[in-house]
Amino acid sequence: MASVESLANQVQTNLIHYNFWTKVKIHDINNGLKAVIGLPPSKLDSNDEEDQPEWVIPRSLVSNSSISVKEINEWFTGIAILEEKRPKRITIGIVNDDGTVVYYFIHDGIVKPRQN
């Protein structure tokens, strides 16, 4: 299993070189947990503001791994301490054994579904 530092570095590299994000930095947020912040080249959602920094939590893809609501709340709380406000959304970057990274939004609370 990869270290927290290694996962953060893999996500940072993926965001910079494959997704073309800028100003990508790694931060400590809670008890050794790392978060990556950066600017995507364009809005990730139509409701986002232009040049909105995005927070990404690196995680390993482990078959027996689960994420609790308490853990997700700790991510939002840790980022809120750094930003002085709680984000409406963060992204989880799930790193596979082969180095691929898949990203999913995690919203703070209930979000009304979009109609395409």
PDB file of N, CA and C in Angstrom:
ATOM      1  N   MET A   1       0.845  -1.185   0.000  1.00  0.00           N
ATOM      2  CA  MET A   1       0.000   0.000   0.000  1.00  0.00           C
ATOM      3  C   MET A   1       0.891   1.250   0.000  1.00  0.00           C
ATOM      4  N   ALA A   2       0.577   2.208  -0.828  1.00  0.00           N
ATOM      5  CA  ALA A   2       1.387   3.410  -0.985  1.00  0.00           C
ATOM      6  C   ALA A   2       1.207   4.335   0.218  1.00  0.00           C
ATOM      7  N   SER A   3       2.240   5.089   0.518  1.00  0.00           N
ATOM      8  CA  SER A   3       2.170   6.052   1.617  1.00  0.00           C
ATOM      9  C   SER A   3       1.306   7.238   1.216  1.00  0.00           C
ATOM     10  N   VAL A   4       0.868   7.978   2.218  1.00  0.00           N
ATOM     11  CA  VAL A   4       0.044   9.163   1.978  1.00  0.00           C
ATOM     12  C   VAL A   4       0.808  10.172   1.123  1.00  0.00           C
ATOM     13  N   GLU A   5       2.094  10.320   1.420  1.00  0.00           N
ATOM     14  CA  GLU A   5       2.944  11.250   0.662  1.00  0.00           C
ATOM     15  C   GLU A   5       3.054  10.818  -0.799  1.00  0.00           C
ATOM     16  N   SER A   6       3.260   9.519  -1.026  1.00  0.00           N
ATOM     17  CA  SER A   6       3.375   8.974  -2.373  1.00  0.00           C
ATOM     18  C   SER A   6       2.081   9.174  -3.166  1.00  0.00           C
ATOM     19  N   LEU A   7       0.936   8.925  -2.530  1.00  0.00           N
ATOM     20  CA  LEU A   7      -0.356   9.116  -3.203  1.00  0.00           C
ATOM     21  C   LEU A   7      -0.549  10.578  -3.591  1.00  0.00           C
ATOM     22  N   ALA A   8      -0.208  11.473  -2.675  1.00  0.00           N
ATOM     23  CA  ALA A   8      -0.348  12.902  -2.961  1.00  0.00           C
ATOM     24  C   ALA A   8       0.547  13.303  -4.137  1.00  0.00           C
ATOM     25  N   ASN A   9       1.755  12.774  -4.175  1.00  0.00           N
ATOM     26  CA  ASN A   9       2.661  13.079  -5.289  1.00  0.00           C
ATOM     27  C   ASN A   9       2.139  12.529  -6.613  1.00  0.00           C
ATOM     28  N   GLN A  10       1.553  11.322  -6.591  1.00  0.00           N
ATOM     29  CA  GLN A  10       0.988  10.744  -7.821  1.00  0.00           C
ATOM     30  C   GLN A  10      -0.177  11.590  -8.334  1.00  0.00           C
ATOM     31  N   VAL A  11      -1.050  12.018  -7.423  1.00  0.00           N
ATOM     32  CA  VAL A  11      -2.189  12.851  -7.831  1.00  0.00           C
ATOM     33  C   VAL A  11      -1.689  14.197  -8.347  1.00  0.00           C
ATOM     34  N   GLN A  12      -0.723  14.790  -7.663  1.00  0.00           N
ATOM     35  CA  GLN A  12      -0.161  16.062  -8.107  1.00  0.00           C
ATOM     36  C   GLN A  12       0.417  15.935  -9.518  1.00  0.00           C
ATOM     37  N   THR A  13       1.193  14.896  -9.760  1.00  0.00           N
ATOM     38  CA  THR A  13       1.785  14.667 -11.082  1.00  0.00           C
ATOM     39  C   THR A  13       0.702  14.478 -12.140  1.00  0.00           C
ATOM     40  N   ASN A  14      -0.337  13.707 -11.818  1.00  0.00           N
ATOM     41  CA  ASN A  14      -1.429  13.471 -12.758  1.00  0.00           C
ATOM     42  C   ASN A  14      -2.156  14.771 -13.099  1.00  0.00           C
ATOM     43  N   LEU A  15      -2.417  15.588 -12.082  1.00  0.00           N
ATOM     44  CA  LEU A  15      -3.122  16.850 -12.329  1.00  0.00           C
ATOM     45  C   LEU A  15      -2.304  17.801 -13.200  1.00  0.00           C
ATOM     46  N   ILE A  16      -1.002  17.856 -12.958  1.00  0.00           N
ATOM     47  CA  ILE A  16      -0.142  18.776 -13.716  1.00  0.00           C
ATOM     48  C   ILE A  16       0.081  18.289 -15.141  1.00  0.00           C
ATOM     49  N   HIS A  17       0.496  17.031 -15.309  1.00  0.00           N
ATOM     50  CA  HIS A  17       0.957  16.553 -16.612  1.00  0.00           C
ATOM     51  C   HIS A  17      -0.131  15.955 -17.507  1.00  0.00           C
ATOM     52  N   TYR A  18      -1.216  15.455 -16.921  1.00  0.00           N
ATOM     53  CA  TYR A  18      -2.260  14.825 -17.736  1.00  0.00           C
ATOM     54  C   TYR A  18      -3.543  15.640 -17.790  1.00  0.00           C
ATOM     55  N   ASN A  19      -3.805  16.417 -16.737  1.00  0.00           N
ATOM     56  CA  ASN A  19      -5.024  17.224 -16.709  1.00  0.00           C
ATOM     57  C   ASN A  19      -4.743  18.712 -16.853  1.00  0.00           C
ATOM     58  N   PHE A  20      -3.464  19.084 -16.929  1.00  0.00           N
ATOM     59  CA  PHE A  20      -3.010  20.449 -17.219  1.00  0.00           C
ATOM     60  C   PHE A  20      -3.467  21.486 -16.195  1.00  0.00           C
ATOM     61  N   TRP A  21      -3.514  21.078 -14.917  1.00  0.00           N
ATOM     62  CA  TRP A  21      -3.808  22.026 -13.851  1.00  0.00           C
ATOM     63  C   TRP A  21      -2.572  22.868 -13.579  1.00  0.00           C
ATOM     64  N   THR A  22      -2.795  24.057 -13.024  1.00  0.00           N
ATOM     65  CA  THR A  22      -1.698  24.944 -12.641  1.00  0.00           C
ATOM     66  C   THR A  22      -1.773  25.224 -11.139  1.00  0.00           C
ATOM     67  N   LYS A  23      -0.701  25.797 -10.620  1.00  0.00           N
ATOM     68  CA  LYS A  23      -0.612  26.167  -9.201  1.00  0.00           C
ATOM     69  C   LYS A  23      -0.981  25.003  -8.280  1.00  0.00           C
ATOM     70  N   VAL A  24      -0.497  23.818  -8.612  1.00  0.00           N
ATOM     71  CA  VAL A  24      -0.829  22.608  -7.854  1.00  0.00           C
ATOM     72  C   VAL A  24       0.144  22.459  -6.683  1.00  0.00           C
ATOM     73  N   LYS A  25      -0.419  22.362  -5.469  1.00  0.00           N
ATOM     74  CA  LYS A  25       0.387  22.239  -4.255  1.00  0.00           C
ATOM     75  C   LYS A  25      -0.226  21.191  -3.333  1.00  0.00           C
ATOM     76  N   ILE A  26       0.626  20.586  -2.533  1.00  0.00           N
ATOM     77  CA  ILE A  26       0.196  19.597  -1.543  1.00  0.00           C
ATOM     78  C   ILE A  26       0.178  20.263  -0.172  1.00  0.00           C
ATOM     79  N   HIS A  27      -0.908  20.024   0.586  1.00  0.00           N
ATOM     80  CA  HIS A  27      -1.054  20.559   1.940  1.00  0.00           C
ATOM     81  C   HIS A  27      -1.331  19.437   2.925  1.00  0.00           C
ATOM     82  N   ASP A  28      -0.867  19.601   4.159  1.00  0.00           N
ATOM     83  CA  ASP A  28      -1.276  18.733   5.262  1.00  0.00           C
ATOM     84  C   ASP A  28      -2.580  19.296   5.810  1.00  0.00           C
ATOM     85  N   ILE A  29      -3.602  18.431   5.978  1.00  0.00           N
ATOM     86  CA  ILE A  29      -4.851  18.963   6.517  1.00  0.00           C
ATOM     87  C   ILE A  29      -5.239  18.382   7.871  1.00  0.00           C
ATOM     88  N   ASN A  30      -5.115  17.090   8.091  1.00  0.00           N
ATOM     89  CA  ASN A  30      -5.494  16.475   9.372  1.00  0.00           C
ATOM     90  C   ASN A  30      -4.610  15.283   9.652  1.00  0.00           C
ATOM     91  N   ASN A  31      -3.964  15.265  10.800  1.00  0.00           N
ATOM     92  CA  ASN A  31      -3.235  14.084  11.277  1.00  0.00           C
ATOM     93  C   ASN A  31      -2.472  13.355  10.173  1.00  0.00           C
ATOM     94  N   GLY A  32      -1.678  14.082   9.402  1.00  0.00           N
ATOM     95  CA  GLY A  32      -0.883  13.455   8.352  1.00  0.00           C
ATOM     96  C   GLY A  32      -1.610  13.263   7.037  1.00  0.00           C
ATOM     97  N   LEU A  33      -2.876  13.610   6.979  1.00  0.00           N
ATOM     98  CA  LEU A  33      -3.634  13.503   5.727  1.00  0.00           C
ATOM     99  C   LEU A  33      -3.200  14.616   4.792  1.00  0.00           C
ATOM    100  N   LYS A  34      -3.040  14.268   3.532  1.00  0.00           N
ATOM    101  CA  LYS A  34      -2.620  15.236   2.515  1.00  0.00           C
ATOM    102  C   LYS A  34      -3.797  15.594   1.621  1.00  0.00           C
ATOM    103  N   ALA A  35      -3.802  16.823   1.160  1.00  0.00           N
ATOM    104  CA  ALA A  35      -4.768  17.291   0.177  1.00  0.00           C
ATOM    105  C   ALA A  35      -4.005  18.077  -0.878  1.00  0.00           C
ATOM    106  N   VAL A  36      -4.486  18.016  -2.096  1.00  0.00           N
ATOM    107  CA  VAL A  36      -3.849  18.715  -3.205  1.00  0.00           C
ATOM    108  C   VAL A  36      -4.802  19.811  -3.653  1.00  0.00           C
ATOM    109  N   ILE A  37      -4.277  21.013  -3.864  1.00  0.00           N
ATOM    110  CA  ILE A  37      -5.091  22.111  -4.365  1.00  0.00           C
ATOM    111  C   ILE A  37      -4.469  22.619  -5.662  1.00  0.00           C
ATOM    112  N   GLY A  38      -5.326  23.027  -6.591  1.00  0.00           N
ATOM    113  CA  GLY A  38      -4.828  23.558  -7.852  1.00  0.00           C
ATOM    114  C   GLY A  38      -5.940  24.185  -8.660  1.00  0.00           C
ATOM    115  N   LEU A  39      -5.551  24.742  -9.794  1.00  0.00           N
ATOM    116  CA  LEU A  39      -6.506  25.378 -10.702  1.00  0.00           C
ATOM    117  C   LEU A  39      -6.642  24.536 -11.971  1.00  0.00           C
ATOM    118  N   PRO A  40      -7.838  24.019 -12.227  1.00  0.00           N
ATOM    119  CA  PRO A  40      -8.046  23.291 -13.475  1.00  0.00           C
ATOM    120  C   PRO A  40      -8.035  24.257 -14.659  1.00  0.00           C
ATOM    121  N   PRO A  41      -7.767  23.765 -15.874  1.00  0.00           N
ATOM    122  CA  PRO A  41      -7.709  24.652 -17.036  1.00  0.00           C
ATOM    123  C   PRO A  41      -9.070  25.247 -17.409  1.00  0.00           C
ATOM    124  N   SER A  42     -10.143  24.598 -16.991  1.00  0.00           N
ATOM    125  CA  SER A  42     -11.486  25.128 -17.219  1.00  0.00           C
ATOM    126  C   SER A  42     -12.382  24.677 -16.065  1.00  0.00           C
ATOM    127  N   LYS A  43     -13.579  25.225 -16.014  1.00  0.00           N
ATOM    128  CA  LYS A  43     -14.502  24.874 -14.939  1.00  0.00           C
ATOM    129  C   LYS A  43     -14.808  23.378 -14.973  1.00  0.00           C
ATOM    130  N   LEU A  44     -14.862  22.749 -13.798  1.00  0.00           N
ATOM    131  CA  LEU A  44     -15.179  21.323 -13.721  1.00  0.00           C
ATOM    132  C   LEU A  44     -16.682  21.076 -13.758  1.00  0.00           C
ATOM    133  N   ASP A  45     -17.450  22.103 -13.418  1.00  0.00           N
ATOM    134  CA  ASP A  45     -18.910  22.021 -13.419  1.00  0.00           C
ATOM    135  C   ASP A  45     -19.435  23.353 -13.941  1.00  0.00           C
ATOM    136  N   SER A  46     -20.547  23.309 -14.618  1.00  0.00           N
ATOM    137  CA  SER A  46     -21.088  24.540 -15.206  1.00  0.00           C
ATOM    138  C   SER A  46     -21.446  25.588 -14.149  1.00  0.00           C
ATOM    139  N   ASN A  47     -21.686  25.176 -12.914  1.00  0.00           N
ATOM    140  CA  ASN A  47     -22.033  26.124 -11.848  1.00  0.00           C
ATOM    141  C   ASN A  47     -20.813  26.712 -11.147  1.00  0.00           C
ATOM    142  N   ASP A  48     -19.617  26.245 -11.479  1.00  0.00           N
ATOM    143  CA  ASP A  48     -18.397  26.753 -10.852  1.00  0.00           C
ATOM    144  C   ASP A  48     -18.074  28.155 -11.344  1.00  0.00           C
ATOM    145  N   GLU A  49     -17.324  28.874 -10.500  1.00  0.00           N
ATOM    146  CA  GLU A  49     -16.807  30.178 -10.898  1.00  0.00           C
ATOM    147  C   GLU A  49     -15.534  29.957 -11.715  1.00  0.00           C
ATOM    148  N   GLU A  50     -15.186  30.933 -12.544  1.00  0.00           N
ATOM    149  CA  GLU A  50     -13.929  30.852 -13.302  1.00  0.00           C
ATOM    150  C   GLU A  50     -12.754  30.911 -12.333  1.00  0.00           C
ATOM    151  N   ASP A  51     -11.692  30.215 -12.663  1.00  0.00           N
ATOM    152  CA  ASP A  51     -10.460  30.203 -11.861  1.00  0.00           C
ATOM    153  C   ASP A  51     -10.717  29.849 -10.398  1.00  0.00           C
ATOM    154  N   GLN A  52     -11.605  28.900 -10.175  1.00  0.00           N
ATOM    155  CA  GLN A  52     -11.905  28.439  -8.826  1.00  0.00           C
ATOM    156  C   GLN A  52     -10.931  27.329  -8.435  1.00  0.00           C
ATOM    157  N   PRO A  53     -10.157  27.509  -7.354  1.00  0.00           N
ATOM    158  CA  PRO A  53      -9.259  26.435  -6.920  1.00  0.00           C
ATOM    159  C   PRO A  53     -10.066  25.208  -6.499  1.00  0.00           C
ATOM    160  N   GLU A  54      -9.522  24.047  -6.784  1.00  0.00           N
ATOM    161  CA  GLU A  54     -10.184  22.788  -6.440  1.00  0.00           C
ATOM    162  C   GLU A  54      -9.313  22.001  -5.478  1.00  0.00           C
ATOM    163  N   TRP A  55      -9.944  21.373  -4.495  1.00  0.00           N
ATOM    164  CA  TRP A  55      -9.263  20.517  -3.529  1.00  0.00           C
ATOM    165  C   TRP A  55      -9.452  19.062  -3.919  1.00  0.00           C
ATOM    166  N   VAL A  56      -8.360  18.292  -3.874  1.00  0.00           N
ATOM    167  CA  VAL A  56      -8.398  16.864  -4.209  1.00  0.00           C
ATOM    168  C   VAL A  56      -7.792  16.081  -3.047  1.00  0.00           C
ATOM    169  N   ILE A  57      -8.507  15.055  -2.595  1.00  0.00           N
ATOM    170  CA  ILE A  57      -8.024  14.157  -1.550  1.00  0.00           C
ATOM    171  C   ILE A  57      -7.520  12.879  -2.215  1.00  0.00           C
ATOM    172  N   PRO A  58      -6.224  12.571  -2.110  1.00  0.00           N
ATOM    173  CA  PRO A  58      -5.689  11.340  -2.700  1.00  0.00           C
ATOM    174  C   PRO A  58      -6.057  10.112  -1.859  1.00  0.00           C
ATOM    175  N   ARG A  59      -6.496   9.060  -2.518  1.00  0.00           N
ATOM    176  CA  ARG A  59      -6.810   7.784  -1.851  1.00  0.00           C
ATOM    177  C   ARG A  59      -6.309   6.633  -2.711  1.00  0.00           C
ATOM    178  N   SER A  60      -5.987   5.536  -2.067  1.00  0.00           N
ATOM    179  CA  SER A  60      -5.555   4.341  -2.765  1.00  0.00           C
ATOM    180  C   SER A  60      -6.760   3.456  -3.049  1.00  0.00           C
ATOM    181  N   LEU A  61      -6.721   2.768  -4.180  1.00  0.00           N
ATOM    182  CA  LEU A  61      -7.775   1.815  -4.514  1.00  0.00           C
ATOM    183  C   LEU A  61      -7.393   0.477  -3.893  1.00  0.00           C
ATOM    184  N   VAL A  62      -8.000   0.172  -2.769  1.00  0.00           N
ATOM    185  CA  VAL A  62      -7.765  -1.083  -2.061  1.00  0.00           C
ATOM    186  C   VAL A  62      -9.100  -1.789  -1.969  1.00  0.00           C
ATOM    187  N   SER A  63      -9.111  -3.084  -2.278  1.00  0.00           N
ATOM    188  CA  SER A  63     -10.376  -3.818  -2.374  1.00  0.00           C
ATOM    189  C   SER A  63     -11.199  -3.788  -1.088  1.00  0.00           C
ATOM    190  N   ASN A  64     -10.568  -3.755   0.069  1.00  0.00           N
ATOM    191  CA  ASN A  64     -11.311  -3.764   1.332  1.00  0.00           C
ATOM    192  C   ASN A  64     -11.429  -2.379   1.961  1.00  0.00           C
ATOM    193  N   SER A  65     -11.152  -1.362   1.200  1.00  0.00           N
ATOM    194  CA  SER A  65     -11.164  -0.004   1.722  1.00  0.00           C
ATOM    195  C   SER A  65     -12.570   0.591   1.668  1.00  0.00           C
ATOM    196  N   SER A  66     -12.929   1.275   2.729  1.00  0.00           N
ATOM    197  CA  SER A  66     -14.197   1.999   2.730  1.00  0.00           C
ATOM    198  C   SER A  66     -13.936   3.370   3.343  1.00  0.00           C
ATOM    199  N   ILE A  67     -14.818   4.291   3.042  1.00  0.00           N
ATOM    200  CA  ILE A  67     -14.690   5.656   3.536  1.00  0.00           C
ATOM    201  C   ILE A  67     -15.939   5.964   4.340  1.00  0.00           C
ATOM    202  N   SER A  68     -15.756   6.429   5.560  1.00  0.00           N
ATOM    203  CA  SER A  68     -16.899   6.746   6.423  1.00  0.00           C
ATOM    204  C   SER A  68     -17.308   8.210   6.258  1.00  0.00           C
ATOM    205  N   VAL A  69     -18.510   8.503   6.673  1.00  0.00           N
ATOM    206  CA  VAL A  69     -18.999   9.879   6.661  1.00  0.00           C
ATOM    207  C   VAL A  69     -18.144  10.730   7.596  1.00  0.00           C
ATOM    208  N   LYS A  70     -17.720  10.135   8.712  1.00  0.00           N
ATOM    209  CA  LYS A  70     -16.858  10.847   9.660  1.00  0.00           C
ATOM    210  C   LYS A  70     -15.548  11.259   8.991  1.00  0.00           C
ATOM    211  N   GLU A  71     -14.955  10.343   8.212  1.00  0.00           N
ATOM    212  CA  GLU A  71     -13.704  10.643   7.516  1.00  0.00           C
ATOM    213  C   GLU A  71     -13.899  11.760   6.486  1.00  0.00           C
ATOM    214  N   ILE A  72     -14.975  11.703   5.736  1.00  0.00           N
ATOM    215  CA  ILE A  72     -15.264  12.753   4.747  1.00  0.00           C
ATOM    216  C   ILE A  72     -15.439  14.095   5.449  1.00  0.00           C
ATOM    217  N   ASN A  73     -16.131  14.093   6.587  1.00  0.00           N
ATOM    218  CA  ASN A  73     -16.311  15.329   7.353  1.00  0.00           C
ATOM    219  C   ASN A  73     -14.967  15.888   7.814  1.00  0.00           C
ATOM    220  N   GLU A  74     -14.029  14.997   8.187  1.00  0.00           N
ATOM    221  CA  GLU A  74     -12.693  15.443   8.585  1.00  0.00           C
ATOM    222  C   GLU A  74     -11.970  16.127   7.430  1.00  0.00           C
ATOM    223  N   TRP A  75     -12.183  15.653   6.202  1.00  0.00           N
ATOM    224  CA  TRP A  75     -11.572  16.301   5.034  1.00  0.00           C
ATOM    225  C   TRP A  75     -12.093  17.724   4.899  1.00  0.00           C
ATOM    226  N   PHE A  76     -13.415  17.872   4.944  1.00  0.00           N
ATOM    227  CA  PHE A  76     -14.019  19.201   4.812  1.00  0.00           C
ATOM    228  C   PHE A  76     -13.571  20.122   5.952  1.00  0.00           C
ATOM    229  N   THR A  77     -13.511  19.597   7.167  1.00  0.00           N
ATOM    230  CA  THR A  77     -13.098  20.390   8.324  1.00  0.00           C
ATOM    231  C   THR A  77     -11.642  20.815   8.202  1.00  0.00           C
ATOM    232  N   GLY A  78     -10.773  19.907   7.794  1.00  0.00           N
ATOM    233  CA  GLY A  78      -9.358  20.230   7.620  1.00  0.00           C
ATOM    234  C   GLY A  78      -9.134  21.306   6.575  1.00  0.00           C
ATOM    235  N   ILE A  79      -9.861  21.216   5.475  1.00  0.00           N
ATOM    236  CA  ILE A  79      -9.748  22.236   4.423  1.00  0.00           C
ATOM    237  C   ILE A  79     -10.313  23.565   4.923  1.00  0.00           C
ATOM    238  N   ALA A  80     -11.393  23.511   5.695  1.00  0.00           N
ATOM    239  CA  ALA A  80     -12.002  24.730   6.242  1.00  0.00           C
ATOM    240  C   ALA A  80     -11.019  25.478   7.146  1.00  0.00           C
ATOM    241  N   ILE A  81     -10.195  24.749   7.873  1.00  0.00           N
ATOM    242  CA  ILE A  81      -9.189  25.391   8.732  1.00  0.00           C
ATOM    243  C   ILE A  81      -8.170  26.139   7.876  1.00  0.00           C
ATOM    244  N   LEU A  82      -7.754  25.560   6.765  1.00  0.00           N
ATOM    245  CA  LEU A  82      -6.786  26.217   5.877  1.00  0.00           C
ATOM    246  C   LEU A  82      -7.397  27.384   5.115  1.00  0.00           C
ATOM    247  N   GLU A  83      -8.629  27.219   4.666  1.00  0.00           N
ATOM    248  CA  GLU A  83      -9.280  28.207   3.807  1.00  0.00           C
ATOM    249  C   GLU A  83     -10.102  29.238   4.571  1.00  0.00           C
ATOM    250  N   GLU A  84     -10.341  28.962   5.846  1.00  0.00           N
ATOM    251  CA  GLU A  84     -11.209  29.788   6.689  1.00  0.00           C
ATOM    252  C   GLU A  84     -12.661  29.758   6.253  1.00  0.00           C
ATOM    253  N   LYS A  85     -13.025  28.785   5.433  1.00  0.00           N
ATOM    254  CA  LYS A  85     -14.419  28.520   5.083  1.00  0.00           C
ATOM    255  C   LYS A  85     -14.502  27.087   4.587  1.00  0.00           C
ATOM    256  N   ARG A  86     -15.637  26.492   4.788  1.00  0.00           N
ATOM    257  CA  ARG A  86     -15.844  25.100   4.394  1.00  0.00           C
ATOM    258  C   ARG A  86     -16.174  25.050   2.910  1.00  0.00           C
ATOM    259  N   PRO A  87     -15.466  24.216   2.148  1.00  0.00           N
ATOM    260  CA  PRO A  87     -15.771  24.151   0.709  1.00  0.00           C
ATOM    261  C   PRO A  87     -17.117  23.482   0.464  1.00  0.00           C
ATOM    262  N   LYS A  88     -17.745  23.837  -0.631  1.00  0.00           N
ATOM    263  CA  LYS A  88     -19.019  23.211  -1.011  1.00  0.00           C
ATOM    264  C   LYS A  88     -18.791  21.832  -1.610  1.00  0.00           C
ATOM    265  N   ARG A  89     -17.578  21.643  -2.145  1.00  0.00           N
ATOM    266  CA  ARG A  89     -17.277  20.384  -2.824  1.00  0.00           C
ATOM    267  C   ARG A  89     -15.773  20.137  -2.771  1.00  0.00           C
ATOM    268  N   ILE A  90     -15.414  18.868  -2.660  1.00  0.00           N
ATOM    269  CA  ILE A  90     -14.030  18.452  -2.841  1.00  0.00           C
ATOM    270  C   ILE A  90     -14.045  17.312  -3.847  1.00  0.00           C
ATOM    271  N   THR A  91     -12.883  16.939  -4.294  1.00  0.00           N
ATOM    272  CA  THR A  91     -12.761  15.837  -5.243  1.00  0.00           C
ATOM    273  C   THR A  91     -11.883  14.774  -4.609  1.00  0.00           C
ATOM    274  N   ILE A  92     -12.250  13.536  -4.786  1.00  0.00           N
ATOM    275  CA  ILE A  92     -11.409  12.440  -4.326  1.00  0.00           C
ATOM    276  C   ILE A  92     -10.677  11.893  -5.552  1.00  0.00           C
ATOM    277  N   GLY A  93      -9.368  11.737  -5.420  1.00  0.00           N
ATOM    278  CA  GLY A  93      -8.545  11.182  -6.493  1.00  0.00           C
ATOM    279  C   GLY A  93      -8.139   9.774  -6.102  1.00  0.00           C
ATOM    280  N   ILE A  94      -8.727   8.774  -6.732  1.00  0.00           N
ATOM    281  CA  ILE A  94      -8.473   7.384  -6.394  1.00  0.00           C
ATOM    282  C   ILE A  94      -7.376   6.841  -7.312  1.00  0.00           C
ATOM    283  N   VAL A  95      -6.251   6.438  -6.674  1.00  0.00           N
ATOM    284  CA  VAL A  95      -5.081   5.976  -7.409  1.00  0.00           C
ATOM    285  C   VAL A  95      -5.083   4.455  -7.458  1.00  0.00           C
ATOM    286  N   ASN A  96      -4.999   3.896  -8.672  1.00  0.00           N
ATOM    287  CA  ASN A  96      -4.954   2.445  -8.865  1.00  0.00           C
ATOM    288  C   ASN A  96      -3.500   1.968  -8.824  1.00  0.00           C
ATOM    289  N   ASP A  97      -3.316   0.657  -8.715  1.00  0.00           N
ATOM    290  CA  ASP A  97      -1.966   0.067  -8.673  1.00  0.00           C
ATOM    291  C   ASP A  97      -1.138   0.413  -9.905  1.00  0.00           C
ATOM    292  N   ASP A  98      -1.798   0.564 -11.056  1.00  0.00           N
ATOM    293  CA  ASP A  98      -1.072   0.837 -12.301  1.00  0.00           C
ATOM    294  C   ASP A  98      -0.793   2.328 -12.509  1.00  0.00           C
ATOM    295  N   GLY A  99      -1.146   3.163 -11.527  1.00  0.00           N
ATOM    296  CA  GLY A  99      -0.860   4.588 -11.606  1.00  0.00           C
ATOM    297  C   GLY A  99      -1.986   5.437 -12.168  1.00  0.00           C
ATOM    298  N   THR A 100      -3.056   4.808 -12.658  1.00  0.00           N
ATOM    299  CA  THR A 100      -4.174   5.606 -13.153  1.00  0.00           C
ATOM    300  C   THR A 100      -4.902   6.254 -11.981  1.00  0.00           C
ATOM    301  N   VAL A 101      -5.469   7.419 -12.241  1.00  0.00           N
ATOM    302  CA  VAL A 101      -6.192   8.157 -11.208  1.00  0.00           C
ATOM    303  C   VAL A 101      -7.589   8.476 -11.739  1.00  0.00           C
ATOM    304  N   VAL A 102      -8.586   8.197 -10.914  1.00  0.00           N
ATOM    305  CA  VAL A 102      -9.975   8.490 -11.254  1.00  0.00           C
ATOM    306  C   VAL A 102     -10.483   9.509 -10.238  1.00  0.00           C
ATOM    307  N   TYR A 103     -11.230  10.492 -10.699  1.00  0.00           N
ATOM    308  CA  TYR A 103     -11.677  11.581  -9.827  1.00  0.00           C
ATOM    309  C   TYR A 103     -13.202  11.564  -9.698  1.00  0.00           C
ATOM    310  N   TYR A 104     -13.672  11.789  -8.457  1.00  0.00           N
ATOM    311  CA  TYR A 104     -15.107  11.880  -8.171  1.00  0.00           C
ATOM    312  C   TYR A 104     -15.356  13.073  -7.268  1.00  0.00           C
ATOM    313  N   PHE A 105     -16.459  13.775  -7.512  1.00  0.00           N
ATOM    314  CA  PHE A 105     -16.876  14.868  -6.640  1.00  0.00           C
ATOM    315  C   PHE A 105     -17.492  14.306  -5.372  1.00  0.00           C
ATOM    316  N   ILE A 106     -17.244  14.985  -4.253  1.00  0.00           N
ATOM    317  CA  ILE A 106     -17.945  14.729  -2.999  1.00  0.00           C
ATOM    318  C   ILE A 106     -18.454  16.081  -2.518  1.00  0.00           C
ATOM    319  N   HIS A 107     -19.767  16.211  -2.448  1.00  0.00           N
ATOM    320  CA  HIS A 107     -20.391  17.478  -2.049  1.00  0.00           C
ATOM    321  C   HIS A 107     -20.609  17.507  -0.542  1.00  0.00           C
ATOM    322  N   ASP A 108     -20.602  18.696   0.007  1.00  0.00           N
ATOM    323  CA  ASP A 108     -20.862  18.893   1.426  1.00  0.00           C
ATOM    324  C   ASP A 108     -22.366  19.048   1.617  1.00  0.00           C
ATOM    325  N   GLY A 109     -23.039  17.958   1.903  1.00  0.00           N
ATOM    326  CA  GLY A 109     -24.486  17.989   2.072  1.00  0.00           C
ATOM    327  C   GLY A 109     -25.200  17.484   0.832  1.00  0.00           C
ATOM    328  N   ILE A 110     -26.473  17.753   0.798  1.00  0.00           N
ATOM    329  CA  ILE A 110     -27.320  17.278  -0.308  1.00  0.00           C
ATOM    330  C   ILE A 110     -27.304  18.296  -1.428  1.00  0.00           C
ATOM    331  N   VAL A 111     -27.151  17.796  -2.642  1.00  0.00           N
ATOM    332  CA  VAL A 111     -27.111  18.661  -3.825  1.00  0.00           C
ATOM    333  C   VAL A 111     -28.224  18.228  -4.755  1.00  0.00           C
ATOM    334  N   LYS A 112     -28.975  19.208  -5.234  1.00  0.00           N
ATOM    335  CA  LYS A 112     -30.051  18.911  -6.163  1.00  0.00           C
ATOM    336  C   LYS A 112     -29.468  18.359  -7.457  1.00  0.00           C
ATOM    337  N   PRO A 113     -30.024  17.261  -7.976  1.00  0.00           N
ATOM    338  CA  PRO A 113     -29.514  16.686  -9.218  1.00  0.00           C
ATOM    339  C   PRO A 113     -29.661  17.650 -10.383  1.00  0.00           C
ATOM    340  N   ARG A 114     -28.703  17.597 -11.298  1.00  0.00           N
ATOM    341  CA  ARG A 114     -28.766  18.419 -12.499  1.00  0.00           C
ATOM    342  C   ARG A 114     -29.603  17.734 -13.544  1.00  0.00           C
ATOM    343  N   GLN A 115     -30.200  18.545 -14.373  1.00  0.00           N
ATOM    344  CA  GLN A 115     -30.917  18.002 -15.528  1.00  0.00           C
ATOM    345  C   GLN A 115     -30.105  18.350 -16.757  1.00  0.00           C
ATOM    346  N   ASN A 116     -29.692  17.338 -17.513  1.00  0.00           N
ATOM    347  CA  ASN A 116     -28.839  17.578 -18.682  1.00  0.00           C
ATOM    348  C   ASN A 116     -29.592  18.086 -19.857  1.00  0.00           C
TER     349      ASN A 116
END
